[in-house]
């Protein structure tokens, strides 16, 4: 899974390894990626994260409530790590 903000600034150097402190910070704050396995049971999707761009998530489980319609997949995080309330990812089928 890769999640990225669409408004991350481009690097002035045009080289990934030569980003400024501010550019690197914007990239880190605007990007989250992880991989592993998953299971679905009773409308709950559980990601078992093997490794993540945020190392604190390594070897942890993330649970999301799943709702599907004909064209949408909604993933709801009922217990986000920051803030209050829930967060939602909505995936729409492309045509």
PDB file of N, CA and C in Angstrom:
ATOM      1  N   UNK A   1       0.857  -1.163   0.000  1.00  0.00           N
ATOM      2  CA  UNK A   1       0.000   0.000   0.000  1.00  0.00           C
ATOM      3  C   UNK A   1       0.903   1.226   0.000  1.00  0.00           C
ATOM      4  N   UNK A   2       0.580   2.174  -0.829  1.00  0.00           N
ATOM      5  CA  UNK A   2       1.302   3.445  -0.859  1.00  0.00           C
ATOM      6  C   UNK A   2       0.290   4.577  -0.817  1.00  0.00           C
ATOM      7  N   UNK A   3       0.490   5.479   0.127  1.00  0.00           N
ATOM      8  CA  UNK A   3      -0.388   6.631   0.283  1.00  0.00           C
ATOM      9  C   UNK A   3       0.498   7.874   0.218  1.00  0.00           C
ATOM     10  N   UNK A   4       0.162   8.797  -0.684  1.00  0.00           N
ATOM     11  CA  UNK A   4       0.965  10.007  -0.852  1.00  0.00           C
ATOM     12  C   UNK A   4       0.079  11.220  -1.025  1.00  0.00           C
ATOM     13  N   UNK A   5       0.500  12.311  -0.414  1.00  0.00           N
ATOM     14  CA  UNK A   5      -0.180  13.585  -0.645  1.00  0.00           C
ATOM     15  C   UNK A   5       0.094  14.019  -2.078  1.00  0.00           C
ATOM     16  N   UNK A   6      -0.881  14.630  -2.701  1.00  0.00           N
ATOM     17  CA  UNK A   6      -0.696  15.086  -4.080  1.00  0.00           C
ATOM     18  C   UNK A   6       0.038  16.415  -4.168  1.00  0.00           C
ATOM     19  N   UNK A   7       0.177  17.112  -3.049  1.00  0.00           N
ATOM     20  CA  UNK A   7       0.787  18.446  -3.066  1.00  0.00           C
ATOM     21  C   UNK A   7       2.235  18.476  -2.549  1.00  0.00           C
ATOM     22  N   UNK A   8       2.911  17.328  -2.550  1.00  0.00           N
ATOM     23  CA  UNK A   8       4.314  17.320  -2.111  1.00  0.00           C
ATOM     24  C   UNK A   8       5.151  18.137  -3.092  1.00  0.00           C
ATOM     25  N   UNK A   9       6.038  19.018  -2.575  1.00  0.00           N
ATOM     26  CA  UNK A   9       6.836  19.858  -3.480  1.00  0.00           C
ATOM     27  C   UNK A   9       7.903  19.061  -4.224  1.00  0.00           C
ATOM     28  N   UNK A  10       8.222  19.509  -5.429  1.00  0.00           N
ATOM     29  CA  UNK A  10       9.319  18.914  -6.198  1.00  0.00           C
ATOM     30  C   UNK A  10      10.650  19.344  -5.601  1.00  0.00           C
ATOM     31  N   UNK A  11      11.668  18.508  -5.759  1.00  0.00           N
ATOM     32  CA  UNK A  11      13.013  18.824  -5.266  1.00  0.00           C
ATOM     33  C   UNK A  11      13.705  19.765  -6.248  1.00  0.00           C
ATOM     34  N   UNK A  12      14.270  20.840  -5.727  1.00  0.00           N
ATOM     35  CA  UNK A  12      14.962  21.800  -6.593  1.00  0.00           C
ATOM     36  C   UNK A  12      16.147  21.161  -7.305  1.00  0.00           C
ATOM     37  N   UNK A  13      16.845  20.230  -6.639  1.00  0.00           N
ATOM     38  CA  UNK A  13      18.016  19.584  -7.231  1.00  0.00           C
ATOM     39  C   UNK A  13      17.639  18.584  -8.315  1.00  0.00           C
ATOM     40  N   UNK A  14      16.354  18.176  -8.366  1.00  0.00           N
ATOM     41  CA  UNK A  14      15.860  17.153  -9.279  1.00  0.00           C
ATOM     42  C   UNK A  14      16.546  15.802  -9.046  1.00  0.00           C
ATOM     43  N   UNK A  15      17.122  15.620  -7.845  1.00  0.00           N
ATOM     44  CA  UNK A  15      17.800  14.378  -7.472  1.00  0.00           C
ATOM     45  C   UNK A  15      17.286  13.920  -6.113  1.00  0.00           C
ATOM     46  N   UNK A  16      16.752  12.717  -6.052  1.00  0.00           N
ATOM     47  CA  UNK A  16      16.151  12.188  -4.825  1.00  0.00           C
ATOM     48  C   UNK A  16      17.118  12.187  -3.648  1.00  0.00           C
ATOM     49  N   UNK A  17      18.375  11.883  -3.892  1.00  0.00           N
ATOM     50  CA  UNK A  17      19.360  11.763  -2.814  1.00  0.00           C
ATOM     51  C   UNK A  17      19.930  13.113  -2.368  1.00  0.00           C
ATOM     52  N   UNK A  18      19.523  14.198  -3.019  1.00  0.00           N
ATOM     53  CA  UNK A  18      20.051  15.521  -2.668  1.00  0.00           C
ATOM     54  C   UNK A  18      18.957  16.498  -2.264  1.00  0.00           C
ATOM     55  N   UNK A  19      17.905  15.977  -1.694  1.00  0.00           N
ATOM     56  CA  UNK A  19      16.831  16.848  -1.234  1.00  0.00           C
ATOM     57  C   UNK A  19      17.270  17.641  -0.013  1.00  0.00           C
ATOM     58  N   UNK A  20      16.734  18.841   0.118  1.00  0.00           N
ATOM     59  CA  UNK A  20      17.021  19.659   1.296  1.00  0.00           C
ATOM     60  C   UNK A  20      16.300  19.071   2.504  1.00  0.00           C
ATOM     61  N   UNK A  21      16.629  19.548   3.680  1.00  0.00           N
ATOM     62  CA  UNK A  21      15.966  19.096   4.898  1.00  0.00           C
ATOM     63  C   UNK A  21      14.452  19.319   4.797  1.00  0.00           C
ATOM     64  N   UNK A  22      14.055  20.476   4.307  1.00  0.00           N
ATOM     65  CA  UNK A  22      12.630  20.794   4.179  1.00  0.00           C
ATOM     66  C   UNK A  22      11.961  19.898   3.137  1.00  0.00           C
ATOM     67  N   UNK A  23      12.627  19.650   2.014  1.00  0.00           N
ATOM     68  CA  UNK A  23      12.060  18.771   0.983  1.00  0.00           C
ATOM     69  C   UNK A  23      11.925  17.343   1.497  1.00  0.00           C
ATOM     70  N   UNK A  24      12.951  16.845   2.185  1.00  0.00           N
ATOM     71  CA  UNK A  24      12.893  15.487   2.742  1.00  0.00           C
ATOM     72  C   UNK A  24      11.800  15.370   3.806  1.00  0.00           C
ATOM     73  N   UNK A  25      11.660  16.411   4.606  1.00  0.00           N
ATOM     74  CA  UNK A  25      10.635  16.396   5.638  1.00  0.00           C
ATOM     75  C   UNK A  25       9.238  16.363   5.009  1.00  0.00           C
ATOM     76  N   UNK A  26       9.029  17.144   3.961  1.00  0.00           N
ATOM     77  CA  UNK A  26       7.731  17.147   3.269  1.00  0.00           C
ATOM     78  C   UNK A  26       7.442  15.780   2.656  1.00  0.00           C
ATOM     79  N   UNK A  27       8.469  15.130   2.116  1.00  0.00           N
ATOM     80  CA  UNK A  27       8.295  13.794   1.551  1.00  0.00           C
ATOM     81  C   UNK A  27       7.913  12.796   2.642  1.00  0.00           C
ATOM     82  N   UNK A  28       8.622  12.834   3.768  1.00  0.00           N
ATOM     83  CA  UNK A  28       8.351  11.910   4.865  1.00  0.00           C
ATOM     84  C   UNK A  28       6.956  12.120   5.437  1.00  0.00           C
ATOM     85  N   UNK A  29       6.584  13.359   5.628  1.00  0.00           N
ATOM     86  CA  UNK A  29       5.264  13.649   6.198  1.00  0.00           C
ATOM     87  C   UNK A  29       4.129  13.382   5.212  1.00  0.00           C
ATOM     88  N   UNK A  30       4.433  13.384   3.921  1.00  0.00           N
ATOM     89  CA  UNK A  30       3.392  13.226   2.914  1.00  0.00           C
ATOM     90  C   UNK A  30       3.332  11.857   2.279  1.00  0.00           C
ATOM     91  N   UNK A  31       4.081  10.878   2.821  1.00  0.00           N
ATOM     92  CA  UNK A  31       4.126   9.556   2.206  1.00  0.00           C
ATOM     93  C   UNK A  31       4.083   8.469   3.283  1.00  0.00           C
ATOM     94  N   UNK A  32       3.294   7.447   3.052  1.00  0.00           N
ATOM     95  CA  UNK A  32       3.296   6.263   3.900  1.00  0.00           C
ATOM     96  C   UNK A  32       3.184   5.058   2.983  1.00  0.00           C
ATOM     97  N   UNK A  33       4.063   4.099   3.165  1.00  0.00           N
ATOM     98  CA  UNK A  33       3.971   2.862   2.390  1.00  0.00           C
ATOM     99  C   UNK A  33       4.245   1.681   3.306  1.00  0.00           C
ATOM    100  N   UNK A  34       3.636   0.558   2.964  1.00  0.00           N
ATOM    101  CA  UNK A  34       3.888  -0.662   3.719  1.00  0.00           C
ATOM    102  C   UNK A  34       3.485  -1.860   2.879  1.00  0.00           C
ATOM    103  N   UNK A  35       4.004  -3.037   3.281  1.00  0.00           N
ATOM    104  CA  UNK A  35       3.621  -4.275   2.610  1.00  0.00           C
ATOM    105  C   UNK A  35       3.521  -5.383   3.637  1.00  0.00           C
ATOM    106  N   UNK A  36       2.815  -6.421   3.250  1.00  0.00           N
ATOM    107  CA  UNK A  36       2.641  -7.579   4.122  1.00  0.00           C
ATOM    108  C   UNK A  36       1.496  -8.418   3.617  1.00  0.00           C
ATOM    109  N   UNK A  37       0.808  -9.047   4.535  1.00  0.00           N
ATOM    110  CA  UNK A  37      -0.320  -9.906   4.191  1.00  0.00           C
ATOM    111  C   UNK A  37      -1.604  -9.287   4.741  1.00  0.00           C
ATOM    112  N   UNK A  38      -2.739  -9.809   4.296  1.00  0.00           N
ATOM    113  CA  UNK A  38      -4.006  -9.304   4.809  1.00  0.00           C
ATOM    114  C   UNK A  38      -5.016 -10.434   4.905  1.00  0.00           C
ATOM    115  N   UNK A  39      -6.028 -10.202   5.726  1.00  0.00           N
ATOM    116  CA  UNK A  39      -7.146 -11.138   5.866  1.00  0.00           C
ATOM    117  C   UNK A  39      -8.420 -10.314   6.011  1.00  0.00           C
ATOM    118  N   UNK A  40      -9.529 -10.869   5.531  1.00  0.00           N
ATOM    119  CA  UNK A  40     -10.830 -10.217   5.660  1.00  0.00           C
ATOM    120  C   UNK A  40     -11.754 -11.170   6.401  1.00  0.00           C
ATOM    121  N   UNK A  41     -12.418 -10.641   7.436  1.00  0.00           N
ATOM    122  CA  UNK A  41     -13.326 -11.456   8.227  1.00  0.00           C
ATOM    123  C   UNK A  41     -14.417 -10.552   8.787  1.00  0.00           C
ATOM    124  N   UNK A  42     -15.669 -10.856   8.477  1.00  0.00           N
ATOM    125  CA  UNK A  42     -16.809 -10.083   8.996  1.00  0.00           C
ATOM    126  C   UNK A  42     -16.656  -8.581   8.785  1.00  0.00           C
ATOM    127  N   UNK A  43     -16.354  -8.165   7.573  1.00  0.00           N
ATOM    128  CA  UNK A  43     -16.227  -6.752   7.194  1.00  0.00           C
ATOM    129  C   UNK A  43     -15.060  -6.042   7.863  1.00  0.00           C
ATOM    130  N   UNK A  44     -14.095  -6.795   8.371  1.00  0.00           N
ATOM    131  CA  UNK A  44     -12.888  -6.199   8.936  1.00  0.00           C
ATOM    132  C   UNK A  44     -11.688  -6.687   8.126  1.00  0.00           C
ATOM    133  N   UNK A  45     -10.944  -5.722   7.594  1.00  0.00           N
ATOM    134  CA  UNK A  45      -9.713  -6.010   6.854  1.00  0.00           C
ATOM    135  C   UNK A  45      -8.554  -5.817   7.818  1.00  0.00           C
ATOM    136  N   UNK A  46      -7.742  -6.853   7.984  1.00  0.00           N
ATOM    137  CA  UNK A  46      -6.571  -6.773   8.858  1.00  0.00           C
ATOM    138  C   UNK A  46      -5.327  -6.865   8.006  1.00  0.00           C
ATOM    139  N   UNK A  47      -4.539  -5.780   7.988  1.00  0.00           N
ATOM    140  CA  UNK A  47      -3.234  -5.774   7.328  1.00  0.00           C
ATOM    141  C   UNK A  47      -2.206  -6.225   8.354  1.00  0.00           C
ATOM    142  N   UNK A  48      -1.441  -7.267   8.057  1.00  0.00           N
ATOM    143  CA  UNK A  48      -0.278  -7.590   8.895  1.00  0.00           C
ATOM    144  C   UNK A  48       0.925  -6.978   8.179  1.00  0.00           C
ATOM    145  N   UNK A  49       1.471  -5.922   8.754  1.00  0.00           N
ATOM    146  CA  UNK A  49       2.539  -5.177   8.109  1.00  0.00           C
ATOM    147  C   UNK A  49       3.885  -5.823   8.406  1.00  0.00           C
ATOM    148  N   UNK A  50       4.538  -6.279   7.349  1.00  0.00           N
ATOM    149  CA  UNK A  50       5.885  -6.836   7.498  1.00  0.00           C
ATOM    150  C   UNK A  50       6.913  -5.717   7.599  1.00  0.00           C
ATOM    151  N   UNK A  51       6.775  -4.698   6.729  1.00  0.00           N
ATOM    152  CA  UNK A  51       7.712  -3.580   6.745  1.00  0.00           C
ATOM    153  C   UNK A  51       7.011  -2.329   6.227  1.00  0.00           C
ATOM    154  N   UNK A  52       7.431  -1.168   6.751  1.00  0.00           N
ATOM    155  CA  UNK A  52       6.790   0.090   6.417  1.00  0.00           C
ATOM    156  C   UNK A  52       7.823   1.204   6.290  1.00  0.00           C
ATOM    157  N   UNK A  53       7.470   2.255   5.536  1.00  0.00           N
ATOM    158  CA  UNK A  53       8.319   3.442   5.482  1.00  0.00           C
ATOM    159  C   UNK A  53       8.355   4.125   6.851  1.00  0.00           C
ATOM    160  N   UNK A  54       7.390   3.852   7.710  1.00  0.00           N
ATOM    161  CA  UNK A  54       7.384   4.281   9.111  1.00  0.00           C
ATOM    162  C   UNK A  54       7.702   3.041   9.938  1.00  0.00           C
ATOM    163  N   UNK A  55       8.964   2.857  10.350  1.00  0.00           N
ATOM    164  CA  UNK A  55       9.398   1.606  10.972  1.00  0.00           C
ATOM    165  C   UNK A  55       8.607   1.180  12.201  1.00  0.00           C
ATOM    166  N   UNK A  56       7.942   2.099  12.881  1.00  0.00           N
ATOM    167  CA  UNK A  56       7.162   1.727  14.058  1.00  0.00           C
ATOM    168  C   UNK A  56       5.978   0.828  13.712  1.00  0.00           C
ATOM    169  N   UNK A  57       5.602   0.789  12.437  1.00  0.00           N
ATOM    170  CA  UNK A  57       4.510  -0.088  12.011  1.00  0.00           C
ATOM    171  C   UNK A  57       4.977  -1.498  11.659  1.00  0.00           C
ATOM    172  N   UNK A  58       6.296  -1.712  11.571  1.00  0.00           N
ATOM    173  CA  UNK A  58       6.803  -3.044  11.227  1.00  0.00           C
ATOM    174  C   UNK A  58       6.274  -4.085  12.202  1.00  0.00           C
ATOM    175  N   UNK A  59       5.833  -5.217  11.657  1.00  0.00           N
ATOM    176  CA  UNK A  59       5.340  -6.352  12.435  1.00  0.00           C
ATOM    177  C   UNK A  59       4.157  -5.985  13.334  1.00  0.00           C
ATOM    178  N   UNK A  60       3.260  -5.143  12.810  1.00  0.00           N
ATOM    179  CA  UNK A  60       2.035  -4.800  13.527  1.00  0.00           C
ATOM    180  C   UNK A  60       0.834  -5.114  12.642  1.00  0.00           C
ATOM    181  N   UNK A  61      -0.345  -5.063  13.218  1.00  0.00           N
ATOM    182  CA  UNK A  61      -1.588  -5.258  12.484  1.00  0.00           C
ATOM    183  C   UNK A  61      -2.379  -3.964  12.469  1.00  0.00           C
ATOM    184  N   UNK A  62      -2.911  -3.618  11.307  1.00  0.00           N
ATOM    185  CA  UNK A  62      -3.827  -2.494  11.158  1.00  0.00           C
ATOM    186  C   UNK A  62      -5.182  -3.048  10.771  1.00  0.00           C
ATOM    187  N   UNK A  63      -6.220  -2.620  11.460  1.00  0.00           N
ATOM    188  CA  UNK A  63      -7.572  -3.105  11.174  1.00  0.00           C
ATOM    189  C   UNK A  63      -8.400  -1.975  10.570  1.00  0.00           C
ATOM    190  N   UNK A  64      -9.173  -2.317   9.540  1.00  0.00           N
ATOM    191  CA  UNK A  64     -10.050  -1.372   8.877  1.00  0.00           C
ATOM    192  C   UNK A  64     -11.411  -2.022   8.678  1.00  0.00           C
ATOM    193  N   UNK A  65     -12.466  -1.255   8.905  1.00  0.00           N
ATOM    194  CA  UNK A  65     -13.821  -1.718   8.627  1.00  0.00           C
ATOM    195  C   UNK A  65     -14.061  -1.508   7.136  1.00  0.00           C
ATOM    196  N   UNK A  66     -14.537  -2.552   6.461  1.00  0.00           N
ATOM    197  CA  UNK A  66     -14.698  -2.530   5.014  1.00  0.00           C
ATOM    198  C   UNK A  66     -16.184  -2.479   4.649  1.00  0.00           C
ATOM    199  N   UNK A  67     -16.507  -1.555   3.736  1.00  0.00           N
ATOM    200  CA  UNK A  67     -17.847  -1.479   3.159  1.00  0.00           C
ATOM    201  C   UNK A  67     -17.686  -1.429   1.653  1.00  0.00           C
ATOM    202  N   UNK A  68     -18.430  -2.274   0.950  1.00  0.00           N
ATOM    203  CA  UNK A  68     -18.346  -2.305  -0.509  1.00  0.00           C
ATOM    204  C   UNK A  68     -19.707  -2.039  -1.120  1.00  0.00           C
ATOM    205  N   UNK A  69     -19.673  -1.280  -2.232  1.00  0.00           N
ATOM    206  CA  UNK A  69     -20.851  -1.127  -3.078  1.00  0.00           C
ATOM    207  C   UNK A  69     -20.430  -1.557  -4.476  1.00  0.00           C
ATOM    208  N   UNK A  70     -21.278  -1.357  -5.451  1.00  0.00           N
ATOM    209  CA  UNK A  70     -20.955  -1.781  -6.814  1.00  0.00           C
ATOM    210  C   UNK A  70     -19.693  -1.092  -7.338  1.00  0.00           C
ATOM    211  N   UNK A  71     -19.476   0.182  -6.967  1.00  0.00           N
ATOM    212  CA  UNK A  71     -18.344   0.931  -7.513  1.00  0.00           C
ATOM    213  C   UNK A  71     -17.385   1.491  -6.481  1.00  0.00           C
ATOM    214  N   UNK A  72     -17.643   1.282  -5.201  1.00  0.00           N
ATOM    215  CA  UNK A  72     -16.803   1.873  -4.155  1.00  0.00           C
ATOM    216  C   UNK A  72     -16.330   0.827  -3.156  1.00  0.00           C
ATOM    217  N   UNK A  73     -15.136   1.063  -2.652  1.00  0.00           N
ATOM    218  CA  UNK A  73     -14.590   0.307  -1.525  1.00  0.00           C
ATOM    219  C   UNK A  73     -14.221   1.335  -0.470  1.00  0.00           C
ATOM    220  N   UNK A  74     -14.830   1.238   0.690  1.00  0.00           N
ATOM    221  CA  UNK A  74     -14.574   2.186   1.773  1.00  0.00           C
ATOM    222  C   UNK A  74     -13.842   1.462   2.888  1.00  0.00           C
ATOM    223  N   UNK A  75     -12.698   2.032   3.307  1.00  0.00           N
ATOM    224  CA  UNK A  75     -11.917   1.502   4.420  1.00  0.00           C
ATOM    225  C   UNK A  75     -11.956   2.535   5.538  1.00  0.00           C
ATOM    226  N   UNK A  76     -12.472   2.156   6.683  1.00  0.00           N
ATOM    227  CA  UNK A  76     -12.616   3.094   7.795  1.00  0.00           C
ATOM    228  C   UNK A  76     -11.734   2.663   8.956  1.00  0.00           C
ATOM    229  N   UNK A  77     -10.915   3.610   9.417  1.00  0.00           N
ATOM    230  CA  UNK A  77     -10.046   3.391  10.579  1.00  0.00           C
ATOM    231  C   UNK A  77     -10.767   3.973  11.786  1.00  0.00           C
ATOM    232  N   UNK A  78     -11.258   3.106  12.658  1.00  0.00           N
ATOM    233  CA  UNK A  78     -12.018   3.563  13.816  1.00  0.00           C
ATOM    234  C   UNK A  78     -11.127   4.085  14.942  1.00  0.00           C
ATOM    235  N   UNK A  79      -9.828   3.793  14.884  1.00  0.00           N
ATOM    236  CA  UNK A  79      -8.909   4.204  15.953  1.00  0.00           C
ATOM    237  C   UNK A  79      -7.616   4.771  15.369  1.00  0.00           C
ATOM    238  N   UNK A  80      -7.674   5.956  14.722  1.00  0.00           N
ATOM    239  CA  UNK A  80      -6.444   6.523  14.150  1.00  0.00           C
ATOM    240  C   UNK A  80      -5.424   6.844  15.240  1.00  0.00           C
ATOM    241  N   UNK A  81      -4.151   6.837  14.867  1.00  0.00           N
ATOM    242  CA  UNK A  81      -3.076   7.067  15.830  1.00  0.00           C
ATOM    243  C   UNK A  81      -2.970   8.520  16.269  1.00  0.00           C
ATOM    244  N   UNK A  82      -3.557   9.426  15.507  1.00  0.00           N
ATOM    245  CA  UNK A  82      -3.556  10.827  15.934  1.00  0.00           C
ATOM    246  C   UNK A  82      -4.907  11.440  15.612  1.00  0.00           C
ATOM    247  N   UNK A  83      -5.240  12.497  16.307  1.00  0.00           N
ATOM    248  CA  UNK A  83      -6.529  13.139  16.086  1.00  0.00           C
ATOM    249  C   UNK A  83      -7.640  12.389  16.791  1.00  0.00           C
ATOM    250  N   UNK A  84      -8.851  12.766  16.478  1.00  0.00           N
ATOM    251  CA  UNK A  84     -10.004  12.099  17.083  1.00  0.00           C
ATOM    252  C   UNK A  84     -10.976  11.698  15.984  1.00  0.00           C
ATOM    253  N   UNK A  85     -11.863  10.817  16.324  1.00  0.00           N
ATOM    254  CA  UNK A  85     -12.814  10.335  15.338  1.00  0.00           C
ATOM    255  C   UNK A  85     -12.184   9.300  14.428  1.00  0.00           C
ATOM    256  N   UNK A  86     -12.883   8.958  13.383  1.00  0.00           N
ATOM    257  CA  UNK A  86     -12.375   7.951  12.448  1.00  0.00           C
ATOM    258  C   UNK A  86     -11.842   8.621  11.189  1.00  0.00           C
ATOM    259  N   UNK A  87     -11.057   7.867  10.414  1.00  0.00           N
ATOM    260  CA  UNK A  87     -10.601   8.332   9.106  1.00  0.00           C
ATOM    261  C   UNK A  87     -11.119   7.355   8.063  1.00  0.00           C
ATOM    262  N   UNK A  88     -11.303   7.858   6.841  1.00  0.00           N
ATOM    263  CA  UNK A  88     -11.893   7.043   5.786  1.00  0.00           C
ATOM    264  C   UNK A  88     -11.063   7.155   4.516  1.00  0.00           C
ATOM    265  N   UNK A  89     -10.824   6.018   3.884  1.00  0.00           N
ATOM    266  CA  UNK A  89     -10.279   5.969   2.521  1.00  0.00           C
ATOM    267  C   UNK A  89     -11.406   5.462   1.639  1.00  0.00           C
ATOM    268  N   UNK A  90     -11.645   6.169   0.553  1.00  0.00           N
ATOM    269  CA  UNK A  90     -12.679   5.734  -0.384  1.00  0.00           C
ATOM    270  C   UNK A  90     -12.017   5.451  -1.724  1.00  0.00           C
ATOM    271  N   UNK A  91     -12.129   4.219  -2.154  1.00  0.00           N
ATOM    272  CA  UNK A  91     -11.572   3.801  -3.446  1.00  0.00           C
ATOM    273  C   UNK A  91     -12.734   3.669  -4.401  1.00  0.00           C
ATOM    274  N   UNK A  92     -12.620   4.311  -5.563  1.00  0.00           N
ATOM    275  CA  UNK A  92     -13.667   4.263  -6.567  1.00  0.00           C
ATOM    276  C   UNK A  92     -13.218   3.457  -7.765  1.00  0.00           C
ATOM    277  N   UNK A  93     -14.108   2.623  -8.291  1.00  0.00           N
ATOM    278  CA  UNK A  93     -13.810   1.846  -9.483  1.00  0.00           C
ATOM    279  C   UNK A  93     -13.659   2.786 -10.667  1.00  0.00           C
ATOM    280  N   UNK A  94     -12.623   2.577 -11.454  1.00  0.00           N
ATOM    281  CA  UNK A  94     -12.455   3.388 -12.666  1.00  0.00           C
ATOM    282  C   UNK A  94     -13.222   2.749 -13.809  1.00  0.00           C
ATOM    283  N   UNK A  95     -13.516   3.557 -14.785  1.00  0.00           N
ATOM    284  CA  UNK A  95     -14.295   3.051 -15.921  1.00  0.00           C
ATOM    285  C   UNK A  95     -13.427   2.926 -17.136  1.00  0.00           C
TER     286      UNK A  95
END
